[in-house]
Amino acid sequence: MARRAKPRPRPAGFDQGPRPFAEWVPAASIAIASLLVAMLPIVSLKGWWPDAGFLVLLAWRMHRSDPFPNWWAIPLGLINDLLSMHPIGLSVVTFCLALLAIDVVDARKMGRNWLTEWLLAALLVLAAEFIQWWVAAIQGAAMPLAALWPPIVITILAFPLIAELVALLDRYRLRKTGV
């Protein structure tokens, strides 16, 4: 009969695995970002505030492809629609199209740097804002096309900051529990 080796005690700080509920942090951060824009006491006539839920979704997907599957774009888009008072389905469509576009770029290009991520995010933000403008025009809103440029520029300039915050949040969620 073979003897089993005694398991060695692990030193403190060498626990295995990420923090508890680490798989829910990306989705929760997207929902909180969508809620944050709805809850801030900012009043503007032109709608210059960026779509923070969309930005955080882009930052998570460009930072890591594994935190959530692409089908999570549907419930996350629905949450964003409900919290930011968009027409139901608008964020669902833009979130799904953005994740599919990022997947296509990932399949074609082996690596990205911060500049290509920023350019891809800028193109996706531009497309999402034009889709929102088009849907508003279909519903009868008389919004001039020139009113789109301030939120587009603010959102594109805010992306590196949001991407860095997502990277910090990802490091925190994957940090070992005993450290």
N, C-alpha and C. Protein backbone atom coordinates (compact mmCIF):
# COMPACT_ATOMS: atom_id res chain seq x y z
N MET A 1 0.84 -1.16 0.00
CA MET A 1 0.00 0.00 0.00
C MET A 1 0.90 1.24 0.00
N ALA A 2 0.59 2.15 -0.91
CA ALA A 2 1.42 3.35 -1.03
C ALA A 2 1.00 4.39 0.01
N ARG A 3 2.00 5.08 0.50
CA ARG A 3 1.72 6.14 1.47
C ARG A 3 1.49 7.45 0.73
N ARG A 4 0.56 8.18 1.25
CA ARG A 4 0.32 9.49 0.66
C ARG A 4 1.23 10.51 1.31
N ALA A 5 1.69 11.40 0.49
CA ALA A 5 2.52 12.47 1.02
C ALA A 5 1.63 13.48 1.74
N LYS A 6 2.15 13.99 2.82
CA LYS A 6 1.39 14.99 3.55
C LYS A 6 1.37 16.29 2.74
N PRO A 7 0.21 16.89 2.64
CA PRO A 7 0.21 18.18 1.95
C PRO A 7 0.93 19.23 2.78
N ARG A 8 1.75 19.98 2.09
CA ARG A 8 2.48 21.04 2.79
C ARG A 8 1.55 22.20 3.06
N PRO A 9 1.67 22.80 4.20
CA PRO A 9 0.84 23.99 4.45
C PRO A 9 1.32 25.14 3.57
N ARG A 10 0.39 25.87 3.04
CA ARG A 10 0.72 27.00 2.19
C ARG A 10 1.04 28.21 3.04
N PRO A 11 2.06 28.94 2.64
CA PRO A 11 2.35 30.18 3.36
C PRO A 11 1.21 31.18 3.18
N ALA A 12 1.09 32.08 4.10
CA ALA A 12 0.05 33.10 4.02
C ALA A 12 0.27 33.96 2.77
N GLY A 13 -0.81 34.29 2.09
CA GLY A 13 -0.71 35.12 0.90
C GLY A 13 -0.63 34.34 -0.39
N PHE A 14 -0.73 33.00 -0.34
CA PHE A 14 -0.63 32.19 -1.55
C PHE A 14 -1.93 31.42 -1.79
N ASP A 15 -3.05 32.04 -1.50
CA ASP A 15 -4.33 31.40 -1.78
C ASP A 15 -4.53 31.32 -3.29
N GLN A 16 -5.33 30.36 -3.69
CA GLN A 16 -5.54 30.13 -5.11
C GLN A 16 -6.80 30.84 -5.58
N GLY A 17 -6.78 31.31 -6.80
CA GLY A 17 -7.95 31.84 -7.45
C GLY A 17 -8.18 33.31 -7.22
N PRO A 18 -9.06 33.88 -8.06
CA PRO A 18 -9.39 35.30 -7.92
C PRO A 18 -10.34 35.54 -6.76
N ARG A 19 -10.71 36.77 -6.59
CA ARG A 19 -11.63 37.14 -5.52
C ARG A 19 -13.00 36.50 -5.75
N PRO A 20 -13.76 36.32 -4.68
CA PRO A 20 -15.13 35.82 -4.87
C PRO A 20 -15.95 36.79 -5.73
N PHE A 21 -16.80 36.26 -6.55
CA PHE A 21 -17.67 37.01 -7.45
C PHE A 21 -16.89 37.82 -8.48
N ALA A 22 -15.68 37.39 -8.80
CA ALA A 22 -14.86 38.11 -9.78
C ALA A 22 -15.47 38.07 -11.17
N GLU A 23 -16.24 37.03 -11.48
CA GLU A 23 -16.83 36.94 -12.81
C GLU A 23 -17.98 37.94 -13.01
N TRP A 24 -18.50 38.49 -11.94
CA TRP A 24 -19.61 39.44 -12.05
C TRP A 24 -19.14 40.89 -12.08
N VAL A 25 -17.87 41.14 -11.81
CA VAL A 25 -17.37 42.51 -11.74
C VAL A 25 -17.49 43.24 -13.08
N PRO A 26 -17.14 42.64 -14.23
CA PRO A 26 -17.29 43.39 -15.49
C PRO A 26 -18.73 43.81 -15.77
N ALA A 27 -19.67 42.88 -15.62
CA ALA A 27 -21.07 43.22 -15.88
C ALA A 27 -21.58 44.26 -14.89
N ALA A 28 -21.20 44.12 -13.63
CA ALA A 28 -21.63 45.08 -12.62
C ALA A 28 -21.04 46.46 -12.89
N SER A 29 -19.80 46.51 -13.35
CA SER A 29 -19.20 47.82 -13.62
C SER A 29 -19.87 48.51 -14.81
N ILE A 30 -20.31 47.74 -15.80
CA ILE A 30 -21.02 48.32 -16.93
C ILE A 30 -22.38 48.84 -16.48
N ALA A 31 -23.07 48.07 -15.65
CA ALA A 31 -24.38 48.51 -15.14
C ALA A 31 -24.23 49.74 -14.24
N ILE A 32 -23.20 49.78 -13.42
CA ILE A 32 -22.97 50.94 -12.54
C ILE A 32 -22.62 52.17 -13.37
N ALA A 33 -21.85 51.99 -14.43
CA ALA A 33 -21.52 53.12 -15.30
C ALA A 33 -22.78 53.65 -15.99
N SER A 34 -23.67 52.76 -16.40
CA SER A 34 -24.93 53.21 -16.99
C SER A 34 -25.79 53.94 -15.97
N LEU A 35 -25.79 53.45 -14.75
CA LEU A 35 -26.56 54.07 -13.67
C LEU A 35 -25.95 55.41 -13.27
N LEU A 36 -24.64 55.50 -13.33
CA LEU A 36 -23.95 56.72 -12.92
C LEU A 36 -24.38 57.91 -13.77
N VAL A 37 -24.48 57.70 -15.06
CA VAL A 37 -24.88 58.78 -15.95
C VAL A 37 -26.33 59.19 -15.68
N ALA A 38 -27.17 58.22 -15.35
CA ALA A 38 -28.57 58.53 -15.07
C ALA A 38 -28.74 59.22 -13.72
N MET A 39 -27.85 58.97 -12.77
CA MET A 39 -28.02 59.49 -11.42
C MET A 39 -27.30 60.81 -11.17
N LEU A 40 -26.36 61.19 -12.01
CA LEU A 40 -25.64 62.44 -11.78
C LEU A 40 -26.57 63.63 -11.98
N PRO A 41 -26.47 64.61 -11.12
CA PRO A 41 -27.37 65.77 -11.24
C PRO A 41 -26.86 66.78 -12.27
N ILE A 42 -26.76 66.33 -13.50
CA ILE A 42 -26.28 67.20 -14.57
C ILE A 42 -27.44 67.42 -15.55
N VAL A 43 -27.72 68.68 -15.81
CA VAL A 43 -28.79 69.03 -16.73
C VAL A 43 -28.15 69.70 -17.94
N SER A 44 -28.45 69.17 -19.11
CA SER A 44 -27.93 69.80 -20.32
C SER A 44 -28.99 69.72 -21.41
N LEU A 45 -29.05 70.75 -22.20
CA LEU A 45 -30.04 70.79 -23.28
C LEU A 45 -29.57 70.03 -24.50
N LYS A 46 -28.28 69.88 -24.67
CA LYS A 46 -27.74 69.29 -25.89
C LYS A 46 -27.36 67.82 -25.74
N GLY A 47 -27.34 67.27 -24.53
CA GLY A 47 -26.99 65.86 -24.35
C GLY A 47 -25.53 65.58 -24.60
N TRP A 48 -24.65 66.34 -24.01
CA TRP A 48 -23.22 66.21 -24.27
C TRP A 48 -22.57 65.11 -23.44
N TRP A 49 -23.27 64.54 -22.47
CA TRP A 49 -22.68 63.56 -21.58
C TRP A 49 -22.42 62.25 -22.33
N PRO A 50 -21.22 61.65 -22.18
CA PRO A 50 -20.94 60.41 -22.92
C PRO A 50 -21.72 59.22 -22.39
N ASP A 51 -21.92 58.23 -23.22
CA ASP A 51 -22.59 56.99 -22.82
C ASP A 51 -21.57 56.14 -22.07
N ALA A 52 -21.55 56.25 -20.76
CA ALA A 52 -20.53 55.59 -19.94
C ALA A 52 -20.65 54.08 -19.98
N GLY A 53 -21.85 53.55 -20.06
CA GLY A 53 -22.02 52.10 -20.14
C GLY A 53 -21.38 51.53 -21.39
N PHE A 54 -21.56 52.22 -22.51
CA PHE A 54 -20.95 51.80 -23.77
C PHE A 54 -19.42 51.89 -23.70
N LEU A 55 -18.92 52.96 -23.10
CA LEU A 55 -17.47 53.12 -22.96
C LEU A 55 -16.85 52.03 -22.10
N VAL A 56 -17.50 51.70 -20.99
CA VAL A 56 -16.97 50.66 -20.10
C VAL A 56 -17.04 49.30 -20.79
N LEU A 57 -18.11 49.05 -21.55
CA LEU A 57 -18.20 47.80 -22.32
C LEU A 57 -17.04 47.69 -23.30
N LEU A 58 -16.77 48.77 -24.05
CA LEU A 58 -15.66 48.75 -24.99
C LEU A 58 -14.33 48.54 -24.29
N ALA A 59 -14.15 49.21 -23.15
CA ALA A 59 -12.88 49.08 -22.42
C ALA A 59 -12.69 47.66 -21.90
N TRP A 60 -13.74 47.04 -21.36
CA TRP A 60 -13.62 45.66 -20.88
C TRP A 60 -13.30 44.71 -22.03
N ARG A 61 -14.00 44.87 -23.14
CA ARG A 61 -13.79 43.93 -24.26
C ARG A 61 -12.43 44.11 -24.90
N MET A 62 -11.93 45.34 -24.93
CA MET A 62 -10.61 45.54 -25.52
C MET A 62 -9.50 45.15 -24.55
N HIS A 63 -9.78 45.25 -23.25
CA HIS A 63 -8.78 44.86 -22.26
C HIS A 63 -8.66 43.34 -22.17
N ARG A 64 -9.78 42.66 -22.12
CA ARG A 64 -9.83 41.20 -22.03
C ARG A 64 -10.99 40.70 -22.85
N SER A 65 -10.81 39.58 -23.50
CA SER A 65 -11.93 39.01 -24.26
C SER A 65 -12.67 37.95 -23.46
N ASP A 66 -12.17 37.60 -22.28
CA ASP A 66 -12.77 36.50 -21.54
C ASP A 66 -13.68 36.86 -20.37
N PRO A 67 -13.85 38.10 -19.94
CA PRO A 67 -14.69 38.32 -18.76
C PRO A 67 -16.15 37.95 -18.98
N PHE A 68 -16.66 38.13 -20.19
CA PHE A 68 -18.05 37.77 -20.44
C PHE A 68 -18.21 37.39 -21.90
N PRO A 69 -19.14 36.48 -22.19
CA PRO A 69 -19.38 36.12 -23.59
C PRO A 69 -20.12 37.24 -24.32
N ASN A 70 -20.14 37.16 -25.63
CA ASN A 70 -20.75 38.22 -26.43
C ASN A 70 -22.26 38.32 -26.23
N TRP A 71 -22.91 37.24 -25.84
CA TRP A 71 -24.36 37.32 -25.68
C TRP A 71 -24.75 38.18 -24.47
N TRP A 72 -23.80 38.49 -23.60
CA TRP A 72 -24.09 39.39 -22.48
C TRP A 72 -24.37 40.81 -22.95
N ALA A 73 -24.07 41.11 -24.21
CA ALA A 73 -24.37 42.44 -24.73
C ALA A 73 -25.87 42.71 -24.72
N ILE A 74 -26.67 41.67 -24.84
CA ILE A 74 -28.13 41.86 -24.85
C ILE A 74 -28.65 42.32 -23.50
N PRO A 75 -28.39 41.58 -22.40
CA PRO A 75 -28.90 42.10 -21.11
C PRO A 75 -28.21 43.39 -20.67
N LEU A 76 -26.93 43.53 -20.95
CA LEU A 76 -26.24 44.77 -20.57
C LEU A 76 -26.76 45.96 -21.38
N GLY A 77 -27.06 45.75 -22.65
CA GLY A 77 -27.66 46.80 -23.45
C GLY A 77 -29.06 47.16 -22.99
N LEU A 78 -29.81 46.16 -22.57
CA LEU A 78 -31.15 46.41 -22.04
C LEU A 78 -31.08 47.22 -20.74
N ILE A 79 -30.13 46.87 -19.88
CA ILE A 79 -29.94 47.64 -18.65
C ILE A 79 -29.56 49.08 -18.98
N ASN A 80 -28.67 49.25 -19.95
CA ASN A 80 -28.27 50.60 -20.36
C ASN A 80 -29.45 51.37 -20.94
N ASP A 81 -30.29 50.70 -21.72
CA ASP A 81 -31.47 51.36 -22.27
C ASP A 81 -32.41 51.82 -21.16
N LEU A 82 -32.63 50.96 -20.19
CA LEU A 82 -33.57 51.29 -19.12
C LEU A 82 -33.03 52.40 -18.22
N LEU A 83 -31.74 52.39 -17.95
CA LEU A 83 -31.18 53.37 -17.03
C LEU A 83 -30.90 54.72 -17.69
N SER A 84 -30.55 54.72 -18.96
CA SER A 84 -30.24 55.98 -19.63
C SER A 84 -31.39 56.51 -20.48
N MET A 85 -32.54 55.83 -20.40
CA MET A 85 -33.77 56.26 -21.07
C MET A 85 -33.64 56.34 -22.59
N HIS A 86 -32.86 55.43 -23.17
CA HIS A 86 -32.84 55.30 -24.63
C HIS A 86 -34.05 54.48 -25.04
N PRO A 87 -34.41 54.51 -26.31
CA PRO A 87 -35.46 53.60 -26.77
C PRO A 87 -35.02 52.15 -26.54
N ILE A 88 -35.95 51.33 -26.10
CA ILE A 88 -35.62 49.94 -25.79
C ILE A 88 -35.10 49.24 -27.04
N GLY A 89 -33.92 48.69 -26.93
CA GLY A 89 -33.29 47.96 -28.03
C GLY A 89 -32.17 48.72 -28.70
N LEU A 90 -32.07 50.03 -28.46
CA LEU A 90 -31.03 50.81 -29.10
C LEU A 90 -29.64 50.42 -28.60
N SER A 91 -29.47 50.39 -27.29
CA SER A 91 -28.17 49.98 -26.74
C SER A 91 -27.91 48.50 -26.98
N VAL A 92 -28.96 47.70 -27.03
CA VAL A 92 -28.78 46.28 -27.33
C VAL A 92 -28.13 46.13 -28.70
N VAL A 93 -28.63 46.87 -29.67
CA VAL A 93 -28.09 46.79 -31.03
C VAL A 93 -26.67 47.34 -31.07
N THR A 94 -26.45 48.51 -30.47
CA THR A 94 -25.11 49.10 -30.53
C THR A 94 -24.09 48.26 -29.75
N PHE A 95 -24.48 47.71 -28.61
CA PHE A 95 -23.56 46.86 -27.84
C PHE A 95 -23.20 45.61 -28.64
N CYS A 96 -24.20 44.97 -29.26
CA CYS A 96 -23.94 43.76 -30.04
C CYS A 96 -23.06 44.06 -31.25
N LEU A 97 -23.36 45.13 -31.97
CA LEU A 97 -22.55 45.49 -33.14
C LEU A 97 -21.11 45.83 -32.74
N ALA A 98 -20.95 46.50 -31.61
CA ALA A 98 -19.60 46.86 -31.16
C ALA A 98 -18.79 45.62 -30.81
N LEU A 99 -19.41 44.68 -30.08
CA LEU A 99 -18.68 43.46 -29.72
C LEU A 99 -18.35 42.62 -30.95
N LEU A 100 -19.26 42.57 -31.91
CA LEU A 100 -18.97 41.84 -33.14
C LEU A 100 -17.86 42.51 -33.93
N ALA A 101 -17.85 43.83 -33.98
CA ALA A 101 -16.79 44.55 -34.69
C ALA A 101 -15.43 44.33 -34.03
N ILE A 102 -15.40 44.32 -32.71
CA ILE A 102 -14.14 44.07 -32.01
C ILE A 102 -13.67 42.64 -32.27
N ASP A 103 -14.60 41.69 -32.33
CA ASP A 103 -14.23 40.31 -32.64
C ASP A 103 -13.65 40.19 -34.05
N VAL A 104 -14.23 40.91 -35.00
CA VAL A 104 -13.72 40.88 -36.37
C VAL A 104 -12.30 41.46 -36.41
N VAL A 105 -12.09 42.56 -35.70
CA VAL A 105 -10.76 43.17 -35.67
C VAL A 105 -9.77 42.23 -34.98
N ASP A 106 -10.19 41.57 -33.91
CA ASP A 106 -9.31 40.61 -33.23
C ASP A 106 -8.94 39.44 -34.13
N ALA A 107 -9.88 39.00 -34.95
CA ALA A 107 -9.60 37.88 -35.85
C ALA A 107 -8.64 38.27 -36.97
N ARG A 108 -8.69 39.51 -37.39
CA ARG A 108 -7.84 39.98 -38.49
C ARG A 108 -6.47 40.42 -38.03
N LYS A 109 -6.39 40.99 -36.87
CA LYS A 109 -5.15 41.58 -36.40
C LYS A 109 -4.66 40.81 -35.18
N MET A 110 -3.40 40.48 -35.17
CA MET A 110 -2.85 39.65 -34.10
C MET A 110 -2.63 40.43 -32.80
N GLY A 111 -2.28 41.67 -32.90
CA GLY A 111 -2.01 42.44 -31.70
C GLY A 111 -2.47 43.87 -31.86
N ARG A 112 -2.71 44.50 -30.72
CA ARG A 112 -3.13 45.90 -30.75
C ARG A 112 -2.29 46.67 -29.76
N ASN A 113 -2.14 47.94 -30.05
CA ASN A 113 -1.53 48.83 -29.07
C ASN A 113 -2.58 49.86 -28.67
N TRP A 114 -2.20 50.79 -27.82
CA TRP A 114 -3.19 51.72 -27.30
C TRP A 114 -3.75 52.63 -28.38
N LEU A 115 -2.95 52.94 -29.39
CA LEU A 115 -3.43 53.81 -30.45
C LEU A 115 -4.49 53.12 -31.31
N THR A 116 -4.27 51.88 -31.66
CA THR A 116 -5.28 51.17 -32.46
C THR A 116 -6.54 50.93 -31.64
N GLU A 117 -6.40 50.67 -30.34
CA GLU A 117 -7.59 50.53 -29.50
C GLU A 117 -8.36 51.83 -29.43
N TRP A 118 -7.65 52.94 -29.30
CA TRP A 118 -8.29 54.24 -29.23
C TRP A 118 -8.99 54.56 -30.55
N LEU A 119 -8.35 54.27 -31.68
CA LEU A 119 -8.98 54.51 -32.97
C LEU A 119 -10.20 53.62 -33.19
N LEU A 120 -10.10 52.36 -32.77
CA LEU A 120 -11.24 51.46 -32.90
C LEU A 120 -12.39 51.94 -32.00
N ALA A 121 -12.07 52.35 -30.78
CA ALA A 121 -13.11 52.87 -29.89
C ALA A 121 -13.73 54.14 -30.48
N ALA A 122 -12.91 54.99 -31.09
CA ALA A 122 -13.43 56.21 -31.70
C ALA A 122 -14.40 55.89 -32.84
N LEU A 123 -14.05 54.93 -33.67
CA LEU A 123 -14.94 54.54 -34.76
C LEU A 123 -16.24 53.94 -34.23
N LEU A 124 -16.14 53.12 -33.19
CA LEU A 124 -17.34 52.51 -32.62
C LEU A 124 -18.22 53.55 -31.93
N VAL A 125 -17.62 54.50 -31.25
CA VAL A 125 -18.39 55.58 -30.62
C VAL A 125 -19.07 56.42 -31.69
N LEU A 126 -18.35 56.72 -32.74
CA LEU A 126 -18.92 57.49 -33.85
C LEU A 126 -20.11 56.75 -34.46
N ALA A 127 -19.96 55.46 -34.69
CA ALA A 127 -21.05 54.67 -35.26
C ALA A 127 -22.24 54.61 -34.30
N ALA A 128 -21.98 54.41 -33.02
CA ALA A 128 -23.08 54.33 -32.05
C ALA A 128 -23.83 55.65 -31.94
N GLU A 129 -23.11 56.77 -31.95
CA GLU A 129 -23.78 58.07 -31.88
C GLU A 129 -24.61 58.34 -33.13
N PHE A 130 -24.11 57.94 -34.29
CA PHE A 130 -24.89 58.15 -35.51
C PHE A 130 -26.12 57.23 -35.54
N ILE A 131 -25.99 56.03 -35.00
CA ILE A 131 -27.17 55.15 -34.90
C ILE A 131 -28.21 55.78 -33.97
N GLN A 132 -27.75 56.34 -32.85
CA GLN A 132 -28.69 57.02 -31.93
C GLN A 132 -29.34 58.22 -32.60
N TRP A 133 -28.56 59.00 -33.35
CA TRP A 133 -29.10 60.15 -34.05
C TRP A 133 -30.13 59.72 -35.09
N TRP A 134 -29.83 58.64 -35.82
CA TRP A 134 -30.72 58.14 -36.85
C TRP A 134 -32.04 57.66 -36.25
N VAL A 135 -31.97 56.93 -35.12
CA VAL A 135 -33.19 56.47 -34.45
C VAL A 135 -34.00 57.66 -33.94
N ALA A 136 -33.32 58.67 -33.40
CA ALA A 136 -34.02 59.88 -32.94
C ALA A 136 -34.69 60.59 -34.11
N ALA A 137 -34.03 60.62 -35.27
CA ALA A 137 -34.61 61.26 -36.45
C ALA A 137 -35.83 60.49 -36.94
N ILE A 138 -35.78 59.17 -36.86
CA ILE A 138 -36.93 58.35 -37.26
C ILE A 138 -38.12 58.62 -36.33
N GLN A 139 -37.84 58.85 -35.06
CA GLN A 139 -38.91 59.10 -34.09
C GLN A 139 -39.41 60.53 -34.13
N GLY A 140 -38.82 61.37 -34.95
CA GLY A 140 -39.32 62.72 -35.12
C GLY A 140 -38.57 63.79 -34.36
N ALA A 141 -37.47 63.46 -33.73
CA ALA A 141 -36.69 64.47 -33.02
C ALA A 141 -35.91 65.30 -34.02
N ALA A 142 -36.05 66.61 -33.90
CA ALA A 142 -35.35 67.50 -34.82
C ALA A 142 -34.01 67.89 -34.22
N MET A 143 -33.08 66.96 -34.23
CA MET A 143 -31.76 67.21 -33.66
C MET A 143 -30.78 67.42 -34.81
N PRO A 144 -30.13 68.58 -34.83
CA PRO A 144 -29.18 68.82 -35.93
C PRO A 144 -27.96 67.91 -35.80
N LEU A 145 -27.40 67.59 -36.93
CA LEU A 145 -26.23 66.70 -36.96
C LEU A 145 -25.04 67.33 -36.26
N ALA A 146 -24.95 68.66 -36.26
CA ALA A 146 -23.83 69.34 -35.60
C ALA A 146 -23.86 69.17 -34.09
N ALA A 147 -25.02 68.84 -33.53
CA ALA A 147 -25.12 68.65 -32.08
C ALA A 147 -24.48 67.34 -31.63
N LEU A 148 -24.13 66.47 -32.56
CA LEU A 148 -23.49 65.19 -32.21
C LEU A 148 -22.02 65.34 -31.87
N TRP A 149 -21.36 66.34 -32.40
CA TRP A 149 -19.91 66.41 -32.27
C TRP A 149 -19.41 66.61 -30.84
N PRO A 150 -20.02 67.44 -30.00
CA PRO A 150 -19.51 67.54 -28.62
C PRO A 150 -19.53 66.23 -27.85
N PRO A 151 -20.65 65.44 -27.84
CA PRO A 151 -20.58 64.17 -27.11
C PRO A 151 -19.60 63.17 -27.73
N ILE A 152 -19.45 63.21 -29.04
CA ILE A 152 -18.51 62.29 -29.69
C ILE A 152 -17.09 62.62 -29.26
N VAL A 153 -16.73 63.89 -29.30
CA VAL A 153 -15.36 64.30 -28.92
C VAL A 153 -15.11 64.02 -27.44
N ILE A 154 -16.07 64.33 -26.58
CA ILE A 154 -15.90 64.08 -25.14
C ILE A 154 -15.75 62.58 -24.87
N THR A 155 -16.55 61.77 -25.54
CA THR A 155 -16.48 60.32 -25.33
C THR A 155 -15.16 59.76 -25.83
N ILE A 156 -14.70 60.20 -26.98
CA ILE A 156 -13.42 59.71 -27.51
C ILE A 156 -12.26 60.12 -26.61
N LEU A 157 -12.30 61.34 -26.11
CA LEU A 157 -11.23 61.79 -25.21
C LEU A 157 -11.30 61.12 -23.84
N ALA A 158 -12.48 60.67 -23.44
CA ALA A 158 -12.63 60.01 -22.14
C ALA A 158 -12.25 58.53 -22.20
N PHE A 159 -12.14 57.95 -23.38
CA PHE A 159 -11.88 56.51 -23.47
C PHE A 159 -10.58 56.06 -22.81
N PRO A 160 -9.45 56.74 -22.99
CA PRO A 160 -8.23 56.26 -22.32
C PRO A 160 -8.36 56.25 -20.79
N LEU A 161 -9.04 57.22 -20.24
CA LEU A 161 -9.25 57.25 -18.79
C LEU A 161 -10.12 56.07 -18.34
N ILE A 162 -11.18 55.82 -19.07
CA ILE A 162 -12.07 54.69 -18.74
C ILE A 162 -11.32 53.37 -18.92
N ALA A 163 -10.50 53.26 -19.95
CA ALA A 163 -9.74 52.02 -20.16
C ALA A 163 -8.75 51.79 -19.02
N GLU A 164 -8.14 52.84 -18.53
CA GLU A 164 -7.22 52.69 -17.40
C GLU A 164 -7.96 52.31 -16.12
N LEU A 165 -9.15 52.87 -15.91
CA LEU A 165 -9.95 52.49 -14.75
C LEU A 165 -10.39 51.03 -14.83
N VAL A 166 -10.72 50.58 -16.02
CA VAL A 166 -11.11 49.17 -16.20
C VAL A 166 -9.91 48.26 -15.95
N ALA A 167 -8.72 48.67 -16.39
CA ALA A 167 -7.52 47.86 -16.13
C ALA A 167 -7.23 47.77 -14.63
N LEU A 168 -7.41 48.88 -13.91
CA LEU A 168 -7.23 48.84 -12.44
C LEU A 168 -8.27 47.94 -11.79
N LEU A 169 -9.50 48.02 -12.23
CA LEU A 169 -10.55 47.17 -11.70
C LEU A 169 -10.28 45.70 -12.01
N ASP A 170 -9.74 45.42 -13.18
CA ASP A 170 -9.42 44.04 -13.54
C ASP A 170 -8.28 43.50 -12.68
N ARG A 171 -7.27 44.33 -12.43
CA ARG A 171 -6.19 43.88 -11.55
C ARG A 171 -6.70 43.61 -10.15
N TYR A 172 -7.62 44.43 -9.67
CA TYR A 172 -8.19 44.23 -8.34
C TYR A 172 -9.01 42.95 -8.29
N ARG A 173 -9.83 42.70 -9.31
CA ARG A 173 -10.70 41.53 -9.26
C ARG A 173 -9.94 40.22 -9.40
N LEU A 174 -8.79 40.26 -10.07
CA LEU A 174 -8.01 39.03 -10.25
C LEU A 174 -6.92 38.86 -9.21
N ARG A 175 -6.77 39.83 -8.32
CA ARG A 175 -5.78 39.71 -7.26
C ARG A 175 -6.19 38.57 -6.33
N LYS A 176 -5.22 37.86 -5.88
CA LYS A 176 -5.48 36.73 -4.99
C LYS A 176 -6.12 37.22 -3.71
N THR A 177 -6.97 36.41 -3.13
CA THR A 177 -7.75 36.84 -1.96
C THR A 177 -6.89 37.00 -0.72
N GLY A 178 -5.82 36.28 -0.60
CA GLY A 178 -5.02 36.36 0.63
C GLY A 178 -3.95 37.42 0.59
N VAL A 179 -3.77 38.08 -0.53
CA VAL A 179 -2.69 39.06 -0.65
C VAL A 179 -3.13 40.40 -0.16
